[in-house]
Protein backbone atom coordinates (compact mmCIF):
# COMPACT_ATOMS: atom_id res chain seq x y z
CA MET A 1 23.71 54.93 -9.87
CA LEU A 2 23.06 51.58 -11.54
CA ARG A 3 20.10 51.87 -13.91
CA SER A 4 19.02 48.32 -13.13
CA VAL A 5 18.71 49.18 -9.42
CA LEU A 6 16.72 52.32 -10.11
CA ALA A 7 14.42 50.48 -12.45
CA ALA A 8 13.77 47.60 -10.01
CA GLU A 9 13.13 49.91 -7.02
CA ALA A 10 10.90 52.20 -9.05
CA GLU A 11 8.81 49.26 -10.12
CA ALA A 12 8.59 47.94 -6.56
CA ALA A 13 7.58 51.36 -5.28
CA ARG A 14 4.76 51.60 -7.83
CA ARG A 15 3.40 48.22 -6.90
CA ARG A 16 3.35 49.20 -3.22
CA LEU A 17 0.89 52.00 -4.02
CA ASP A 18 -2.59 51.10 -2.85
CA PRO A 19 -5.19 53.85 -3.22
CA ALA A 20 -7.98 51.69 -1.73
CA GLY A 21 -5.86 51.15 1.38
CA GLY A 22 -4.73 54.75 1.59
CA THR A 23 -1.16 54.24 0.43
CA MET A 24 -0.68 57.05 -2.06
CA ALA A 25 3.07 57.68 -1.86
CA GLN A 26 6.34 55.88 -1.50
CA LEU A 27 9.81 57.31 -0.76
CA VAL A 28 12.96 55.34 -1.45
CA TRP A 29 16.43 56.63 -0.51
CA PHE A 30 19.42 55.48 -2.62
CA ASP A 31 22.47 55.95 -0.44
CA ALA A 32 25.57 56.63 -2.65
CA GLY A 33 28.02 56.70 0.21
CA GLU A 34 29.87 59.59 1.92
CA ARG A 35 31.54 61.05 -1.22
CA ASP A 36 28.62 61.13 -3.68
CA SER A 37 25.07 62.53 -3.53
CA GLY A 38 22.36 60.03 -3.04
CA ARG A 39 18.99 59.93 -4.78
CA LEU A 40 15.47 60.27 -3.34
CA LEU A 41 12.79 58.49 -5.33
CA LEU A 42 9.35 59.98 -4.61
CA THR A 43 6.49 58.00 -6.19
CA VAL A 44 2.98 59.38 -5.84
CA HIS A 45 -0.21 57.93 -7.33
CA HIS A 46 -1.70 59.99 -10.12
CA LEU A 47 -4.94 60.36 -8.13
CA ALA A 48 -3.00 62.66 -5.78
CA VAL A 49 -0.80 64.68 -8.19
CA ASP A 50 -0.65 66.04 -11.68
CA GLY A 51 2.19 67.79 -13.50
CA VAL A 52 1.45 71.15 -11.90
CA SER A 53 1.38 69.61 -8.39
CA TRP A 54 5.07 68.80 -8.61
CA ARG A 55 5.84 72.49 -8.88
CA ILE A 56 4.18 72.88 -5.49
CA ILE A 57 5.39 69.71 -3.75
CA LEU A 58 9.11 69.87 -4.58
CA PRO A 59 9.74 73.39 -3.22
CA ASP A 60 7.67 72.50 -0.16
CA LEU A 61 9.80 69.39 0.36
CA VAL A 62 12.94 71.50 0.28
CA THR A 63 11.47 74.06 2.70
CA ALA A 64 10.31 71.34 5.07
CA TRP A 65 13.73 69.65 5.01
CA GLY A 66 15.33 72.93 5.96
CA GLY A 67 13.01 73.41 8.86
CA GLY A 68 11.02 76.29 7.32
CA ASP A 69 7.29 76.95 7.51
CA LEU A 70 5.06 76.04 4.61
CA ASP A 71 2.63 78.58 3.15
CA PRO A 72 -1.05 77.82 3.71
CA VAL A 73 -3.21 76.12 1.09
CA PRO A 74 -6.08 78.53 0.35
CA THR A 75 -8.37 75.89 -1.22
CA SER A 76 -8.25 72.16 -0.46
CA PHE A 77 -8.73 69.62 -3.22
CA ARG A 78 -11.81 68.38 -1.37
CA ARG A 79 -13.37 71.83 -1.46
CA TRP A 80 -12.58 72.16 -5.18
CA ALA A 81 -14.27 68.78 -5.86
CA GLN A 82 -17.36 69.94 -3.91
CA ARG A 83 -17.58 73.11 -5.96
CA LEU A 84 -17.22 71.17 -9.20
CA SER A 85 -20.18 68.98 -8.24
CA ALA A 86 -22.32 72.06 -7.79
CA GLU A 87 -21.00 73.58 -11.02
CA ALA A 88 -22.03 70.51 -13.05
CA SER A 89 -25.77 71.16 -12.43
CA ASP A 90 -25.62 74.93 -13.06
CA PRO A 91 -27.94 75.91 -15.91
CA ALA A 92 -25.14 77.83 -17.66
CA ARG A 93 -23.11 74.60 -17.70
CA THR A 94 -25.91 72.34 -18.90
CA ALA A 95 -26.49 74.80 -21.69
CA GLU A 96 -23.26 73.53 -23.22
CA LEU A 97 -24.71 70.15 -24.02
CA PRO A 98 -25.71 70.97 -27.67
CA LEU A 99 -22.13 72.15 -28.30
CA TRP A 100 -20.64 68.84 -27.06
CA ASP A 101 -23.27 66.88 -29.05
CA ASP A 102 -22.20 68.73 -32.16
CA VAL A 103 -18.49 68.10 -31.51
CA LEU A 104 -18.97 64.41 -30.92
CA ALA A 105 -20.99 64.06 -34.13
CA THR A 106 -17.79 64.66 -36.10
CA PRO A 107 -17.00 61.62 -38.25
CA ASP A 108 -14.10 59.69 -36.78
CA PRO A 109 -13.27 56.77 -39.13
CA VAL A 110 -11.22 53.93 -37.69
CA LEU A 111 -7.56 54.84 -38.19
CA GLY A 112 -5.88 51.55 -37.38
CA ALA A 113 -6.14 47.94 -38.45
CA ARG A 114 -9.22 47.63 -36.19
CA PRO A 115 -11.00 49.64 -33.49
CA LEU A 116 -9.12 50.13 -30.20
CA ASP A 117 -9.72 47.27 -27.74
CA PRO A 118 -8.70 48.26 -24.18
CA ALA A 119 -8.57 44.59 -23.22
CA ALA A 120 -5.92 43.89 -25.81
CA ASP A 121 -4.41 47.30 -26.42
CA THR A 122 -2.73 48.06 -23.12
CA PHE A 123 0.14 50.26 -22.01
CA GLY A 124 2.20 47.09 -21.96
CA THR A 125 1.69 46.65 -25.72
CA ALA A 126 2.03 50.39 -26.60
CA ARG A 127 4.80 51.75 -28.72
CA HIS A 128 6.60 55.08 -28.16
CA ARG A 129 8.60 57.50 -30.23
CA THR A 130 10.05 60.88 -29.20
CA LEU A 131 10.94 63.41 -31.86
CA ASP A 132 12.45 66.90 -31.53
CA LEU A 133 12.01 70.03 -33.57
CA PRO A 134 15.24 72.12 -33.73
CA ALA A 135 15.50 75.51 -32.13
CA ASP A 136 15.58 77.47 -35.38
CA VAL A 137 12.05 76.24 -36.07
CA THR A 138 10.69 75.98 -32.49
CA ALA A 139 11.62 79.55 -31.52
CA PRO A 140 9.48 81.30 -34.17
CA LEU A 141 6.82 78.60 -33.92
CA LEU A 142 6.18 79.54 -30.30
CA THR A 143 6.51 83.29 -30.61
CA GLU A 144 6.30 84.96 -34.07
CA VAL A 145 3.63 82.63 -35.52
CA PRO A 146 1.06 82.89 -32.71
CA ALA A 147 1.74 86.62 -32.37
CA ALA A 148 1.10 87.23 -36.03
CA PHE A 149 -2.39 85.71 -35.64
CA HIS A 150 -3.07 87.11 -32.14
CA GLY A 151 -3.29 83.53 -30.97
CA ARG A 152 -1.79 80.93 -28.64
CA VAL A 153 0.80 78.16 -29.05
CA ASN A 154 -1.92 75.54 -29.05
CA ASP A 155 -3.60 77.26 -32.02
CA VAL A 156 -0.50 76.72 -34.02
CA LEU A 157 0.35 73.23 -32.86
CA LEU A 158 -3.18 71.95 -33.40
CA THR A 159 -3.49 73.58 -36.84
CA GLY A 160 -0.47 71.60 -37.87
CA LEU A 161 -1.86 68.40 -36.35
CA ALA A 162 -5.24 68.86 -38.02
CA LEU A 163 -3.62 69.37 -41.44
CA ALA A 164 -1.36 66.38 -40.92
CA VAL A 165 -4.09 63.97 -39.78
CA ALA A 166 -6.46 64.96 -42.63
CA GLU A 167 -3.70 64.45 -45.19
CA TRP A 168 -2.51 61.17 -43.60
CA ARG A 169 -6.01 59.77 -43.47
CA ARG A 170 -6.66 60.67 -47.08
CA ASP A 171 -3.44 59.06 -48.30
CA ARG A 172 -4.26 55.86 -46.29
CA GLY A 173 -7.67 55.64 -47.90
CA VAL A 174 -9.49 56.24 -44.60
CA GLY A 175 -11.60 59.13 -45.78
CA ASP A 176 -11.64 62.53 -47.43
CA GLU A 177 -13.09 64.47 -44.47
CA THR A 178 -11.06 67.44 -43.38
CA ALA A 179 -12.54 67.69 -39.92
CA VAL A 180 -10.55 65.85 -37.26
CA LEU A 181 -11.84 64.78 -33.83
CA ILE A 182 -9.22 65.09 -31.13
CA ASP A 183 -9.22 64.79 -27.35
CA LEU A 184 -7.44 67.83 -25.97
CA GLU A 185 -5.92 67.59 -22.48
CA GLY A 186 -5.41 70.57 -20.19
CA HIS A 187 -4.29 71.39 -16.69
CA GLY A 188 -7.87 71.67 -15.44
CA ARG A 189 -7.20 74.48 -12.96
CA GLU A 190 -9.71 76.79 -14.60
CA GLU A 191 -10.92 79.96 -12.89
CA ILE A 192 -14.59 79.07 -13.01
CA VAL A 193 -15.56 79.40 -9.35
CA PRO A 194 -15.19 82.81 -7.64
CA GLY A 195 -13.02 82.90 -4.56
CA VAL A 196 -11.17 79.68 -5.30
CA ASP A 197 -7.35 79.88 -5.25
CA LEU A 198 -5.65 76.72 -6.56
CA SER A 199 -2.13 78.08 -6.61
CA ARG A 200 -1.02 75.88 -3.74
CA THR A 201 -3.38 72.92 -4.19
CA ALA A 202 -1.94 69.53 -5.04
CA GLY A 203 -4.09 66.90 -6.76
CA TRP A 204 -5.18 65.52 -10.11
CA PHE A 205 -6.88 68.43 -11.84
CA THR A 206 -6.31 67.34 -15.41
CA SER A 207 -9.24 67.93 -17.76
CA ILE A 208 -9.82 66.45 -21.22
CA HIS A 209 -12.38 67.30 -23.84
CA PRO A 210 -13.05 66.59 -27.51
CA VAL A 211 -12.57 69.22 -30.19
CA ARG A 212 -13.46 69.28 -33.84
CA LEU A 213 -10.66 70.86 -35.84
CA ASP A 214 -11.39 71.57 -39.46
CA ALA A 215 -8.51 73.39 -41.12
CA GLY A 216 -10.04 72.80 -44.56
CA TRP A 217 -8.19 71.00 -47.32
CA VAL A 218 -4.75 72.47 -48.12
CA GLU A 219 -2.63 70.95 -50.82
CA PRO A 220 0.39 69.17 -49.33
CA ALA A 221 2.77 71.40 -51.34
CA ASP A 222 1.11 74.51 -49.87
CA VAL A 223 1.37 73.06 -46.34
CA ARG A 224 5.12 72.49 -46.65
CA GLU A 225 5.83 75.76 -48.46
CA GLY A 226 3.75 77.88 -46.09
CA GLY A 227 1.36 79.25 -48.74
CA GLN A 228 -1.58 81.57 -48.13
CA ALA A 229 -3.94 78.66 -47.40
CA VAL A 230 -1.91 77.74 -44.33
CA GLY A 231 -2.70 81.07 -42.73
CA THR A 232 -6.36 80.63 -43.51
CA ALA A 233 -6.23 77.20 -41.89
CA LEU A 234 -4.71 78.64 -38.68
CA LYS A 235 -7.45 81.29 -38.49
CA ARG A 236 -10.16 78.64 -38.87
CA VAL A 237 -8.68 76.42 -36.16
CA LYS A 238 -8.16 79.36 -33.82
CA GLU A 239 -11.84 80.25 -34.07
CA GLN A 240 -12.95 76.65 -33.51
CA LEU A 241 -10.91 76.49 -30.33
CA ARG A 242 -12.34 79.77 -29.12
CA GLU A 243 -15.91 78.36 -29.36
CA ILE A 244 -15.05 76.03 -26.47
CA PRO A 245 -15.94 77.77 -23.12
CA ASP A 246 -13.57 77.65 -20.12
CA ASN A 247 -11.01 75.55 -21.96
CA GLY A 248 -13.41 72.62 -22.13
CA ILE A 249 -13.75 71.83 -18.40
CA GLY A 250 -17.55 71.74 -18.82
CA TYR A 251 -17.33 68.54 -20.86
CA GLY A 252 -15.95 66.50 -18.01
CA LEU A 253 -18.34 68.11 -15.53
CA LEU A 254 -21.34 67.15 -17.64
CA ARG A 255 -20.11 63.72 -18.59
CA TYR A 256 -19.06 62.51 -15.15
CA LEU A 257 -21.00 64.72 -12.70
CA GLY A 258 -24.02 65.77 -14.72
CA PRO A 259 -27.24 63.98 -13.74
CA ALA A 260 -28.32 62.90 -17.25
CA ALA A 261 -25.54 63.47 -19.74
CA GLY A 262 -23.07 60.64 -19.04
CA GLU A 263 -24.06 58.24 -21.79
CA ARG A 264 -24.87 61.07 -24.14
CA LEU A 265 -21.26 62.33 -24.01
CA ALA A 266 -19.57 58.91 -23.82
CA GLY A 267 -17.71 59.09 -27.14
CA THR A 268 -13.93 59.07 -27.13
CA PRO A 269 -11.79 60.31 -30.07
CA GLN A 270 -9.00 58.06 -31.32
CA ILE A 271 -6.32 60.79 -31.04
CA ALA A 272 -5.30 62.77 -27.94
CA PHE A 273 -3.06 65.80 -27.74
CA ASN A 274 -1.49 67.57 -24.78
CA TYR A 275 1.00 70.49 -24.79
CA LEU A 276 2.69 70.76 -21.44
CA GLY A 277 4.31 74.19 -21.98
CA ARG A 278 7.90 75.25 -21.62
CA SER A 279 10.46 74.29 -19.03
CA ALA A 280 14.07 75.22 -18.50
CA VAL A 281 16.75 72.62 -18.16
CA PRO A 282 16.99 71.99 -14.38
CA GLU A 283 20.12 73.15 -12.58
CA ALA A 284 22.27 70.58 -10.87
CA THR A 285 21.44 71.31 -7.26
CA ASP A 286 21.06 69.14 -4.16
CA TRP A 287 17.29 69.24 -4.56
CA GLY A 288 17.14 69.36 -8.38
CA PRO A 289 15.53 66.68 -10.55
CA ALA A 290 17.70 63.69 -11.40
CA ALA A 291 19.70 63.58 -14.56
CA GLN A 292 17.79 62.45 -17.65
CA ALA A 293 19.63 59.13 -17.74
CA ASP A 294 18.39 58.30 -14.24
CA ALA A 295 14.88 59.50 -15.04
CA ASP A 296 14.76 57.27 -18.14
CA ALA A 297 15.73 54.25 -16.03
CA LEU A 298 12.56 54.66 -13.92
CA GLY A 299 10.43 53.29 -16.76
CA ALA A 300 6.80 54.01 -17.56
CA GLY A 301 4.50 55.29 -14.86
CA GLN A 302 1.52 53.19 -15.87
CA ASP A 303 0.62 49.59 -15.07
CA GLY A 304 1.30 47.53 -18.17
CA ALA A 305 -2.12 45.86 -17.90
CA LEU A 306 -3.98 49.19 -17.99
CA GLY A 307 -6.04 49.63 -21.20
CA LEU A 308 -5.20 52.45 -23.57
CA VAL A 309 -7.82 55.12 -23.88
CA HIS A 310 -6.73 56.44 -27.29
CA ALA A 311 -5.23 54.76 -30.33
CA ILE A 312 -2.69 57.59 -30.64
CA GLU A 313 -1.50 60.09 -28.05
CA VAL A 314 0.82 63.01 -28.57
CA ASN A 315 2.44 64.65 -25.51
CA ALA A 316 4.56 67.64 -26.38
CA HIS A 317 6.61 70.11 -24.32
CA THR A 318 9.29 72.71 -25.00
CA ARG A 319 12.71 72.52 -23.40
CA ASP A 320 14.66 75.79 -23.03
CA LEU A 321 18.18 74.60 -23.98
CA PRO A 322 21.43 76.59 -24.22
CA ASP A 323 21.12 76.81 -28.01
CA GLY A 324 17.43 77.75 -27.92
CA PRO A 325 14.07 76.13 -27.27
CA GLU A 326 13.30 72.70 -28.71
CA LEU A 327 9.82 71.22 -29.11
CA SER A 328 9.87 67.61 -28.02
CA ALA A 329 6.90 65.38 -28.86
CA THR A 330 6.38 61.86 -27.58
CA TRP A 331 4.03 59.72 -29.65
CA THR A 332 2.39 56.71 -27.88
CA TRP A 333 0.20 54.36 -29.95
CA ALA A 334 -1.38 50.97 -29.72
CA GLY A 335 1.17 48.57 -31.19
CA GLY A 336 -1.56 46.22 -32.44
CA LEU A 337 -3.15 48.94 -34.57
CA PHE A 338 -0.25 50.67 -36.30
CA ASP A 339 3.23 49.78 -37.36
CA ASP A 340 6.10 52.14 -36.68
CA ALA A 341 6.21 53.43 -40.24
CA ALA A 342 2.60 54.67 -40.10
CA ILE A 343 3.20 56.75 -36.99
CA ASP A 344 6.56 58.01 -38.28
CA ASP A 345 4.69 59.13 -41.38
CA LEU A 346 2.06 61.03 -39.34
CA ALA A 347 4.63 62.57 -37.08
CA GLY A 348 6.67 63.66 -40.11
CA ARG A 349 3.62 65.33 -41.68
CA TRP A 350 2.93 67.20 -38.40
CA PHE A 351 6.44 68.58 -38.19
CA ALA A 352 6.28 69.45 -41.91
CA ALA A 353 3.07 71.40 -41.30
CA LEU A 354 4.70 73.23 -38.38
CA ARG A 355 7.63 74.13 -40.52
CA GLY A 356 5.22 75.36 -43.16
CA LEU A 357 3.52 77.64 -40.63
CA VAL A 358 6.91 79.12 -39.73
CA ALA A 359 7.73 79.60 -43.39
CA HIS A 360 4.36 81.32 -43.89
CA VAL A 361 5.07 83.97 -41.16
CA VAL A 362 8.83 84.23 -40.99
CA ASP A 363 10.23 83.38 -44.38
CA GLY A 364 7.76 85.34 -46.48
CA ALA A 365 6.54 82.18 -48.23
CA SER A 366 3.02 83.57 -48.66
CA ASP A 367 2.08 85.65 -51.64
CA GLY A 368 -0.59 87.51 -49.64
CA PRO A 369 -1.09 89.17 -46.26
CA VAL A 370 0.21 87.27 -43.22
CA GLY A 371 -1.58 86.94 -39.89
CA GLY A 372 -4.24 89.35 -38.71
CA PHE A 373 -7.28 89.32 -36.46
CA THR A 374 -10.17 86.83 -36.28
CA PRO A 375 -13.78 87.35 -35.03
CA SER A 376 -12.98 86.29 -31.41
CA ASP A 377 -10.44 89.14 -31.18
CA LEU A 378 -13.26 91.63 -31.85
CA SER A 379 -15.88 90.33 -29.49
CA LEU A 380 -17.61 93.65 -29.07
CA VAL A 381 -18.80 93.71 -32.63
CA ASP A 382 -20.49 91.09 -34.84
CA VAL A 383 -18.07 90.75 -37.72
CA SER A 384 -17.11 87.88 -40.03
CA GLN A 385 -13.63 86.81 -41.06
CA GLU A 386 -14.32 88.01 -44.58
CA GLU A 387 -15.21 91.50 -43.30
CA ILE A 388 -12.10 91.61 -41.16
CA ASP A 389 -9.90 90.66 -44.09
CA GLU A 390 -11.54 93.29 -46.30
CA LEU A 391 -10.99 95.99 -43.68
CA ALA A 392 -7.40 94.92 -43.14
CA ALA A 393 -6.80 95.11 -46.90
CA GLU A 394 -8.19 98.65 -47.02
CA LEU A 395 -5.95 99.72 -44.16
CA ASP A 396 -3.05 97.72 -45.58
CA GLY A 397 -2.76 95.77 -42.33
CA GLU A 398 -1.76 98.86 -40.39
CA TRP A 399 -4.16 98.74 -37.45
CA GLU A 400 -3.86 97.63 -33.87
CA LEU A 401 -6.20 96.31 -31.19
CA ASP A 402 -5.88 97.88 -27.73
């Protein structure tokens, strides 16, 4: 399939979308003749789908094409939206306001040549760079490292990012603060309303909320070598993330649906991060996703005139390849604020921090105990990190949590 044809038709399909007029999807069939498989281009406006929605829509499309019956949708997107409106005024949700005030009070010095200007800094002027972390680093990064700290993959990735940003800012003369303000994106399908089943609901559920990540200052050499301070940093970031209720969905509810909190929560961090999880390389089937070369030809999914929300965005995912999993991270930044070298420097520091975390756990780089529990793991008792570490030292680390 000619890449130029794919690119032109994809752009034309996007321009035919008209949410105000009810045109939310476009289907274009590329007929490759009798001997070769054709291509079906399905373009849907982001208002109607998110990344998880495609896992629902594509199997349904195959089932419908084969004449089968589709499973029912337990909860409609409309019903979910109605429940969210009610949730935004719940006293338990409004009680989160002081937490979000505290997060947004985190100093966020201007990182670029000037503040972000959505009128000038658009997707059309954005720059992109995709970098991959090899399997021998990615595999333990996603398994052994979070397991050692009884944590999650995001705890590890965000610890590395917090260390990298703090070090990068300091070396650029932006500031000596170790706390970093980041917008954290999530799937938004949180189980916060009893009786709601979103397993078959298509729509745009994505949530985003600010987090303050303070890993403390760790000397760059210790970061890269995986010294004891790196483990302490991971424990700190893990606990900071656990302080956020319901994966942060309350922030959006209060900011956009709350009766009085909109302006109060209007701040937007300069950096955004989203980890999309793991995915296997798709098999070459009649209804499988197109080859990567064809997908690349489709171009960006955003209107070039649309203003950027963040000065820097990092979208990462893991691909399960034949030789092992690889973490792939796409950096998008305002081209008018940073040159390529600045972002390459930050991205390199992040990968270096991730390698250091692997070295800390797997390679025995630390001269002290590795991993362990944090206060959020022991929620039934009021105990500090210092007390946990002292108890672990007495038991020589040989204890388990049921």
